[in-house]
Amino acid sequence: MGGLQLTCFCASLVLTVASILPPNCPDKEDLKPCTCDYEGINCFHVVDSNDLKRAMQTNPSDPRLRSFWLTGTELTEIKAYTFQKYSIVQMFLDFNRLNKLEDNAFVGGSESTLVYLGLSNNEFTSYPMNALRILKALISVNFENNKITKVPNFAFKSSKDLVEVNLANNVISHVGKMAFVNLRKLRKVDLSNNQLVSVGILIFPNTNIVYYKDSRDAAEPDASNTEVVIELQGNPIGIESSPQ
């Protein structure tokens, strides 16, 4: 299963989960400046994080929500309990100016329902581990094109269903030990185009790893085994104790 196939698989799985949910729109006036349709809620026109939180405190008739979009805004943070009224399956928080998620940003309803989280093309300088550790159902998370400098120890250990992690195009120079521990379903980590000079195997303990230092080396991973593809092209990389 190649990178594109794996991405399509994750997307298909997310859509399958989302497709079972009914449309759920709160009162139109109460939700402003956000809007709602059959697919979910979009908040393209919020002016700040307080505006977003106020809109999302609207009481829905049913808390289950397929999708939430917040894109192309000037928002720099997501406040605690912003999404507490909803159980959301996929969230697209891309192309904003976000650099902070308060620790309880996702507390309230989505801890066991959110399977996709997109935070690409924002301004994060560190991985918001405390805010994301409660998201137990995550399958795919995307932090591409941010300004993240390091990934902390045990960063993803709470999200045991993770299949794909995208950290490409940041400025990551260090990935902490056990960052990807106990992720039995993990199949792809994209660390391409960062500042890594070495990668130790303790980052991925008890994992059958295939390192791809250069995209030209990237063969198709075998879907029948438990290999994890680590994309490292675009880094000044060396591999420490790479598995044979």
Protein backbone atom coordinates (compact mmCIF):
# COMPACT_ATOMS: atom_id res chain seq x y z
CA MET A 1 0.00 0.00 0.00
CA GLY A 2 1.74 3.17 -1.20
CA GLY A 3 1.67 6.59 0.39
CA LEU A 4 -1.18 7.76 -1.81
CA GLN A 5 -3.08 4.54 -1.27
CA LEU A 6 -2.60 4.79 2.49
CA THR A 7 -3.81 8.38 2.52
CA CYS A 8 -6.83 7.36 0.46
CA PHE A 9 -7.47 4.48 2.86
CA CYS A 10 -7.43 6.83 5.86
CA ALA A 11 -9.72 9.28 4.08
CA SER A 12 -12.09 6.48 3.11
CA LEU A 13 -12.22 5.22 6.68
CA VAL A 14 -12.95 8.71 7.98
CA LEU A 15 -15.70 9.21 5.41
CA THR A 16 -17.20 5.83 6.27
CA VAL A 17 -17.42 6.79 9.92
CA ALA A 18 -18.78 10.24 9.05
CA SER A 19 -21.38 8.91 6.61
CA ILE A 20 -23.39 7.20 9.34
CA LEU A 21 -24.15 10.47 11.10
CA PRO A 22 -27.34 12.47 10.51
CA PRO A 23 -27.34 16.15 9.55
CA ASN A 24 -27.24 18.25 12.68
CA CYS A 25 -27.61 22.02 12.48
CA PRO A 26 -28.29 24.27 15.45
CA ASP A 27 -30.32 27.45 15.18
CA LYS A 28 -29.05 29.52 12.24
CA GLU A 29 -29.08 32.84 14.06
CA ASP A 30 -27.45 31.50 17.21
CA LEU A 31 -24.65 29.93 15.18
CA LYS A 32 -23.60 33.13 13.36
CA PRO A 33 -21.04 33.93 12.02
CA CYS A 34 -20.65 30.19 11.44
CA THR A 35 -22.92 28.31 9.07
CA CYS A 36 -24.16 24.75 8.87
CA ASP A 37 -25.25 22.35 6.16
CA TYR A 38 -25.61 18.61 5.67
CA GLU A 39 -21.84 18.06 5.84
CA GLY A 40 -21.19 20.01 9.03
CA ILE A 41 -20.34 23.43 10.45
CA ASN A 42 -17.95 25.94 8.91
CA CYS A 43 -16.58 28.99 10.69
CA PHE A 44 -14.70 30.74 7.92
CA HIS A 45 -15.87 34.19 9.06
CA VAL A 46 -15.10 34.22 12.78
CA VAL A 47 -12.95 37.18 13.83
CA ASP A 48 -11.24 35.77 16.93
CA SER A 49 -11.21 32.79 19.29
CA ASN A 50 -13.92 34.26 21.53
CA ASP A 51 -16.19 34.66 18.50
CA LEU A 52 -15.59 31.01 17.62
CA LYS A 53 -16.22 29.76 21.14
CA ARG A 54 -19.44 31.76 21.46
CA ALA A 55 -20.81 30.38 18.20
CA MET A 56 -19.92 26.80 19.11
CA GLN A 57 -21.73 27.03 22.46
CA THR A 58 -25.02 26.90 20.56
CA ASN A 59 -26.97 23.87 21.76
CA PRO A 60 -27.42 21.32 18.96
CA SER A 61 -30.41 19.00 18.75
CA ASP A 62 -27.93 16.15 18.35
CA PRO A 63 -24.27 16.57 19.35
CA ARG A 64 -22.95 14.26 16.62
CA LEU A 65 -21.32 16.18 13.79
CA ARG A 66 -19.61 14.86 10.66
CA SER A 67 -17.23 17.72 9.98
CA PHE A 68 -16.04 21.07 11.25
CA TRP A 69 -14.12 23.63 9.17
CA LEU A 70 -12.10 26.62 10.33
CA THR A 71 -9.89 27.77 7.47
CA GLY A 72 -8.43 30.99 6.14
CA THR A 73 -8.94 33.02 9.34
CA GLU A 74 -6.65 35.19 11.46
CA LEU A 75 -7.21 33.09 14.58
CA THR A 76 -4.08 32.36 16.63
CA GLU A 77 -5.55 30.08 19.31
CA ILE A 78 -8.38 27.72 20.15
CA LYS A 79 -9.75 28.24 23.65
CA ALA A 80 -10.60 25.57 26.20
CA TYR A 81 -13.97 23.86 25.84
CA THR A 82 -14.65 25.47 22.46
CA PHE A 83 -16.09 22.22 21.06
CA GLN A 84 -17.65 20.80 24.24
CA LYS A 85 -21.17 20.73 22.80
CA TYR A 86 -20.28 18.48 19.88
CA SER A 87 -18.97 15.00 19.09
CA ILE A 88 -17.07 15.66 15.86
CA VAL A 89 -15.64 13.05 13.48
CA GLN A 90 -13.29 15.19 11.37
CA MET A 91 -11.91 18.68 11.91
CA PHE A 92 -10.20 20.87 9.33
CA LEU A 93 -8.35 23.71 11.08
CA ASP A 94 -5.95 24.44 8.22
CA PHE A 95 -4.66 27.70 6.71
CA ASN A 96 -5.09 29.91 9.76
CA ARG A 97 -2.52 31.56 12.03
CA LEU A 98 -2.95 29.12 14.89
CA ASN A 99 -0.03 28.73 17.27
CA LYS A 100 -1.82 27.57 20.42
CA LEU A 101 -4.42 25.02 21.46
CA GLU A 102 -5.44 25.44 25.08
CA ASP A 103 -5.12 22.18 27.00
CA ASN A 104 -8.88 21.53 27.14
CA ALA A 105 -9.72 22.75 23.65
CA PHE A 106 -11.24 19.39 22.63
CA VAL A 107 -12.71 18.37 25.97
CA GLY A 108 -16.40 17.69 26.14
CA GLY A 109 -17.54 15.56 23.24
CA SER A 110 -14.94 14.63 20.65
CA GLU A 111 -12.48 12.64 22.75
CA SER A 112 -13.76 9.32 21.46
CA THR A 113 -15.14 10.40 18.06
CA LEU A 114 -12.52 12.57 16.34
CA VAL A 115 -10.65 10.44 13.81
CA TYR A 116 -9.11 13.13 11.57
CA LEU A 117 -7.49 16.39 12.67
CA GLY A 118 -6.02 18.79 10.13
CA LEU A 119 -3.83 21.62 11.42
CA SER A 120 -1.65 22.20 8.39
CA ASN A 121 -0.45 25.61 7.23
CA ASN A 122 -0.61 27.30 10.61
CA GLU A 123 2.08 28.80 12.88
CA PHE A 124 2.65 26.18 15.57
CA THR A 125 6.20 26.19 16.92
CA SER A 126 5.67 23.21 19.22
CA TYR A 127 3.51 20.10 19.08
CA PRO A 128 0.44 20.74 21.32
CA MET A 129 0.71 17.45 23.15
CA ASN A 130 -1.41 18.39 26.17
CA ALA A 131 -4.38 19.41 24.04
CA LEU A 132 -4.26 16.33 21.83
CA ARG A 133 -3.54 13.61 24.36
CA ILE A 134 -7.26 13.15 25.11
CA LEU A 135 -8.13 12.31 21.48
CA LYS A 136 -8.25 8.54 21.77
CA ALA A 137 -9.83 7.79 18.37
CA LEU A 138 -7.46 9.69 16.07
CA ILE A 139 -6.55 7.83 12.88
CA SER A 140 -4.81 10.64 11.00
CA VAL A 141 -3.28 13.95 12.11
CA ASN A 142 -1.75 16.58 9.81
CA PHE A 143 0.68 19.28 10.99
CA GLU A 144 2.31 19.90 7.63
CA ASN A 145 3.68 23.38 6.92
CA ASN A 146 3.99 24.76 10.42
CA LYS A 147 7.03 25.96 12.39
CA ILE A 148 7.38 23.07 14.81
CA THR A 149 10.94 22.68 16.12
CA LYS A 150 10.66 19.44 18.08
CA VAL A 151 8.37 16.54 18.90
CA PRO A 152 8.30 15.72 22.63
CA ASN A 153 8.85 12.36 24.30
CA PHE A 154 5.74 10.15 24.20
CA ALA A 155 4.01 12.70 21.97
CA PHE A 156 1.51 10.32 20.37
CA LYS A 157 1.27 7.50 22.88
CA SER A 158 -2.34 8.24 23.88
CA SER A 159 -3.69 7.96 20.32
CA LYS A 160 -3.37 4.22 19.91
CA ASP A 161 -5.41 4.03 16.69
CA LEU A 162 -3.15 6.38 14.73
CA VAL A 163 -2.41 5.17 11.21
CA GLU A 164 -0.82 8.26 9.65
CA VAL A 165 1.06 11.30 11.02
CA ASN A 166 2.13 14.17 8.78
CA LEU A 167 4.83 16.49 10.16
CA ALA A 168 6.38 17.43 6.82
CA ASN A 169 7.70 20.89 6.04
CA ASN A 170 8.39 22.10 9.55
CA VAL A 171 11.74 22.93 11.18
CA ILE A 172 11.93 19.85 13.41
CA SER A 173 15.45 19.15 14.64
CA HIS A 174 14.58 16.67 17.38
CA VAL A 175 12.05 13.87 17.87
CA GLY A 176 11.81 12.66 21.46
CA LYS A 177 12.24 9.09 22.64
CA MET A 178 9.13 6.94 22.57
CA ALA A 179 7.31 9.63 20.58
CA PHE A 180 5.46 6.88 18.68
CA VAL A 181 5.35 4.19 21.35
CA ASN A 182 2.49 1.65 21.44
CA LEU A 183 1.06 2.68 18.08
CA ARG A 184 0.33 -0.79 16.72
CA LYS A 185 -1.71 0.51 13.79
CA LEU A 186 0.78 3.14 12.65
CA ARG A 187 1.77 2.80 8.99
CA LYS A 188 3.20 6.15 7.89
CA VAL A 189 5.04 9.10 9.45
CA ASP A 190 6.05 11.93 7.15
CA LEU A 191 9.02 13.87 8.54
CA SER A 192 10.24 15.10 5.18
CA ASN A 193 11.72 18.56 4.72
CA ASN A 194 12.70 19.23 8.30
CA GLN A 195 16.04 19.80 10.06
CA LEU A 196 16.71 16.30 11.40
CA VAL A 197 20.33 15.21 11.44
CA SER A 198 19.67 11.83 13.07
CA VAL A 199 16.81 9.51 13.93
CA GLY A 200 17.15 6.92 16.69
CA ILE A 201 15.17 3.69 16.73
CA LEU A 202 13.89 4.45 20.24
CA ILE A 203 11.55 6.94 18.62
CA PHE A 204 9.67 3.96 17.18
CA PRO A 205 10.10 1.16 19.75
CA ASN A 206 8.86 -2.34 18.91
CA THR A 207 8.11 -1.29 15.35
CA ASN A 208 9.12 -2.82 12.03
CA ILE A 209 10.45 0.33 10.34
CA VAL A 210 11.25 1.11 6.74
CA TYR A 211 13.23 4.36 6.52
CA TYR A 212 13.02 6.33 3.31
CA LYS A 213 15.84 8.86 3.39
CA ASP A 214 15.26 9.84 -0.22
CA SER A 215 11.97 9.77 -2.07
CA ARG A 216 13.71 7.86 -4.86
CA ASP A 217 14.21 4.99 -2.41
CA ALA A 218 10.55 4.75 -1.50
CA ALA A 219 9.27 1.34 -2.49
CA GLU A 220 5.68 0.37 -1.93
CA PRO A 221 5.11 -0.81 1.67
CA ASP A 222 3.49 -4.20 2.03
CA ALA A 223 -0.04 -3.95 3.41
CA SER A 224 0.15 -7.54 4.67
CA ASN A 225 2.70 -6.77 7.38
CA THR A 226 3.24 -4.16 10.07
CA GLU A 227 5.88 -2.01 8.42
CA VAL A 228 5.89 1.68 9.24
CA VAL A 229 7.09 3.96 6.46
CA ILE A 230 9.12 6.93 7.73
CA GLU A 231 9.64 9.59 5.07
CA LEU A 232 12.83 11.56 5.68
CA GLN A 233 13.68 13.17 2.35
CA GLY A 234 14.80 16.77 2.60
CA ASN A 235 16.58 16.33 5.95
CA PRO A 236 20.36 16.44 6.60
CA ILE A 237 19.82 12.98 7.98
CA GLY A 238 21.76 10.06 9.39
CA ILE A 239 20.12 6.96 10.81
CA GLU A 240 21.17 5.78 14.26
CA SER A 241 21.17 2.01 14.59
CA SER A 242 18.79 1.60 11.71
CA PRO A 243 17.12 -1.82 11.70
CA GLN A 244 18.42 -4.26 9.12
